[in-house]
Amino acid sequence: EVQFVESGGGRVQQGGSLRLSCTTSGFIFDDYAVGWVRQAPGKEREGVSCIDAADGSTKYADSVKGRATISRDNARNTVYLQIDNMKPEDTADYFCVAEKRFCIAIMSRLQSGIDYSGQGTQVIVSS
């Protein structure tokens, strides 16, 4: 059974930092690209960041580029996302996701092709 344990969400002040963690089980973590997508109220789901399985290449949405850092710990089957200088527009539900090998679906507009997804964690940025 595939499981995701997401943590780190909650309320954060504008300008503050957020660190999300996602620990997975039930699939071979090393073989999967992992990352985060988010969905704000009334908006489409957006790929935020992703890290490849093969070489650890990273991708970021323009909306968080320069503010976000994604990393993975294959020994712990865990992916982390830190976002600094949080903005009100970062308010959303954040979902940990995985797809085989490369960050393609996760960072695409339609995001079809994502293999696994967590239940999500809410992030609220207050001004």
Foldseek 3Di string as FASTA:
>chain_A
DKAKDKDFADEDEQQAKTKIKIFIDDDQLLQKKKAKWWDDPPDAIAQAKIFFNPPRDIDGDPVQPPFKDWDDDSVRNMIMMMGGNDDQVVWTWMKMFIAGGDPDLSHDRVSPRTDDIHPTGGHGYDD
